[in-house]
Amino acid sequence: MSFRSSVNPPLPPIANKCLRRADEAYARQK
């Protein structure tokens, strides 16, 4: 399950970039 899919409201590009980085780190931890 993606970390991003739990975020409902659309985010600005900067937040999206941060989330993507967090998502990659989150996936790597599993």
PDB file of N, CA and C in Angstrom:
ATOM      1  N   MET A   1       0.852  -1.208   0.000  1.00  0.00           N
ATOM      2  CA  MET A   1       0.000   0.000   0.000  1.00  0.00           C
ATOM      3  C   MET A   1       0.879   1.246   0.000  1.00  0.00           C
ATOM      4  N   SER A   2       0.525   2.195  -0.819  1.00  0.00           N
ATOM      5  CA  SER A   2       1.335   3.402  -0.937  1.00  0.00           C
ATOM      6  C   SER A   2       1.025   4.383   0.182  1.00  0.00           C
ATOM      7  N   PHE A   3       2.079   5.032   0.632  1.00  0.00           N
ATOM      8  CA  PHE A   3       1.941   6.046   1.676  1.00  0.00           C
ATOM      9  C   PHE A   3       1.089   7.203   1.181  1.00  0.00           C
ATOM     10  N   ARG A   4       1.209   7.493  -0.116  1.00  0.00           N
ATOM     11  CA  ARG A   4       0.519   8.637  -0.700  1.00  0.00           C
ATOM     12  C   ARG A   4      -0.982   8.421  -0.814  1.00  0.00           C
ATOM     13  N   SER A   5      -1.412   7.174  -0.940  1.00  0.00           N
ATOM     14  CA  SER A   5      -2.833   6.900  -1.167  1.00  0.00           C
ATOM     15  C   SER A   5      -3.688   7.264   0.047  1.00  0.00           C
ATOM     16  N   SER A   6      -3.029   7.438   1.212  1.00  0.00           N
ATOM     17  CA  SER A   6      -3.784   7.802   2.412  1.00  0.00           C
ATOM     18  C   SER A   6      -4.021   9.308   2.490  1.00  0.00           C
ATOM     19  N   VAL A   7      -3.381  10.058   1.582  1.00  0.00           N
ATOM     20  CA  VAL A   7      -3.549  11.518   1.572  1.00  0.00           C
ATOM     21  C   VAL A   7      -4.662  11.876   0.598  1.00  0.00           C
ATOM     22  N   ASN A   8      -5.729  12.468   1.124  1.00  0.00           N
ATOM     23  CA  ASN A   8      -6.895  12.738   0.294  1.00  0.00           C
ATOM     24  C   ASN A   8      -6.814  14.015  -0.536  1.00  0.00           C
ATOM     25  N   PRO A   9      -6.603  15.169   0.071  1.00  0.00           N
ATOM     26  CA  PRO A   9      -6.619  16.399  -0.723  1.00  0.00           C
ATOM     27  C   PRO A   9      -5.412  16.469  -1.658  1.00  0.00           C
ATOM     28  N   PRO A  10      -5.583  17.001  -2.866  1.00  0.00           N
ATOM     29  CA  PRO A  10      -4.468  17.182  -3.791  1.00  0.00           C
ATOM     30  C   PRO A  10      -3.445  18.158  -3.219  1.00  0.00           C
ATOM     31  N   LEU A  11      -2.177  17.877  -3.429  1.00  0.00           N
ATOM     32  CA  LEU A  11      -1.129  18.684  -2.828  1.00  0.00           C
ATOM     33  C   LEU A  11      -0.359  19.464  -3.877  1.00  0.00           C
ATOM     34  N   PRO A  12       0.248  20.579  -3.470  1.00  0.00           N
ATOM     35  CA  PRO A  12       1.114  21.340  -4.373  1.00  0.00           C
ATOM     36  C   PRO A  12       2.337  20.522  -4.754  1.00  0.00           C
ATOM     37  N   PRO A  13       2.978  20.844  -5.887  1.00  0.00           N
ATOM     38  CA  PRO A  13       4.102  20.069  -6.413  1.00  0.00           C
ATOM     39  C   PRO A  13       5.230  19.866  -5.409  1.00  0.00           C
ATOM     40  N   ILE A  14       5.512  20.889  -4.597  1.00  0.00           N
ATOM     41  CA  ILE A  14       6.612  20.777  -3.628  1.00  0.00           C
ATOM     42  C   ILE A  14       6.293  19.701  -2.591  1.00  0.00           C
ATOM     43  N   ALA A  15       5.071  19.736  -2.084  1.00  0.00           N
ATOM     44  CA  ALA A  15       4.656  18.732  -1.105  1.00  0.00           C
ATOM     45  C   ALA A  15       4.648  17.350  -1.750  1.00  0.00           C
ATOM     46  N   ASN A  16       4.252  17.321  -3.016  1.00  0.00           N
ATOM     47  CA  ASN A  16       4.225  16.062  -3.750  1.00  0.00           C
ATOM     48  C   ASN A  16       5.616  15.470  -3.855  1.00  0.00           C
ATOM     49  N   LYS A  17       6.605  16.333  -4.102  1.00  0.00           N
ATOM     50  CA  LYS A  17       7.987  15.868  -4.221  1.00  0.00           C
ATOM     51  C   LYS A  17       8.479  15.309  -2.894  1.00  0.00           C
ATOM     52  N   CYS A  18       8.122  15.985  -1.809  1.00  0.00           N
ATOM     53  CA  CYS A  18       8.507  15.524  -0.468  1.00  0.00           C
ATOM     54  C   CYS A  18       7.832  14.186  -0.166  1.00  0.00           C
ATOM     55  N   LEU A  19       6.552  14.100  -0.511  1.00  0.00           N
ATOM     56  CA  LEU A  19       5.805  12.868  -0.258  1.00  0.00           C
ATOM     57  C   LEU A  19       6.391  11.714  -1.047  1.00  0.00           C
ATOM     58  N   ARG A  20       6.829  11.997  -2.253  1.00  0.00           N
ATOM     59  CA  ARG A  20       7.390  10.947  -3.089  1.00  0.00           C
ATOM     60  C   ARG A  20       8.668  10.400  -2.477  1.00  0.00           C
ATOM     61  N   ARG A  21       9.467  11.303  -1.937  1.00  0.00           N
ATOM     62  CA  ARG A  21      10.703  10.888  -1.272  1.00  0.00           C
ATOM     63  C   ARG A  21      10.376  10.052  -0.037  1.00  0.00           C
ATOM     64  N   ALA A  22       9.385  10.508   0.718  1.00  0.00           N
ATOM     65  CA  ALA A  22       8.967   9.773   1.920  1.00  0.00           C
ATOM     66  C   ALA A  22       8.398   8.409   1.530  1.00  0.00           C
ATOM     67  N   ASP A  23       7.683   8.385   0.410  1.00  0.00           N
ATOM     68  CA  ASP A  23       7.080   7.137  -0.057  1.00  0.00           C
ATOM     69  C   ASP A  23       8.167   6.124  -0.418  1.00  0.00           C
ATOM     70  N   GLU A  24       9.236   6.604  -1.056  1.00  0.00           N
ATOM     71  CA  GLU A  24      10.337   5.714  -1.424  1.00  0.00           C
ATOM     72  C   GLU A  24      11.020   5.157  -0.183  1.00  0.00           C
ATOM     73  N   ALA A  25      11.243   6.017   0.798  1.00  0.00           N
ATOM     74  CA  ALA A  25      11.873   5.584   2.043  1.00  0.00           C
ATOM     75  C   ALA A  25      10.958   4.590   2.770  1.00  0.00           C
ATOM     76  N   TYR A  26       9.674   4.866   2.735  1.00  0.00           N
ATOM     77  CA  TYR A  26       8.684   3.999   3.383  1.00  0.00           C
ATOM     78  C   TYR A  26       8.681   2.614   2.732  1.00  0.00           C
ATOM     79  N   ALA A  27       8.776   2.595   1.420  1.00  0.00           N
ATOM     80  CA  ALA A  27       8.776   1.325   0.696  1.00  0.00           C
ATOM     81  C   ALA A  27      10.066   0.549   0.969  1.00  0.00           C
ATOM     82  N   ARG A  28      11.149   1.278   1.152  1.00  0.00           N
ATOM     83  CA  ARG A  28      12.438   0.628   1.381  1.00  0.00           C
ATOM     84  C   ARG A  28      12.495  -0.014   2.764  1.00  0.00           C
ATOM     85  N   GLN A  29      11.737   0.546   3.719  1.00  0.00           N
ATOM     86  CA  GLN A  29      11.766   0.027   5.092  1.00  0.00           C
ATOM     87  C   GLN A  29      11.110  -1.346   5.191  1.00  0.00           C
ATOM     88  N   LYS A  30      10.118  -1.594   4.359  1.00  0.00           N
ATOM     89  CA  LYS A  30       9.347  -2.842   4.461  1.00  0.00           C
ATOM     90  C   LYS A  30      10.223  -4.066   4.235  1.00  0.00           C
TER      91      LYS A  30
END
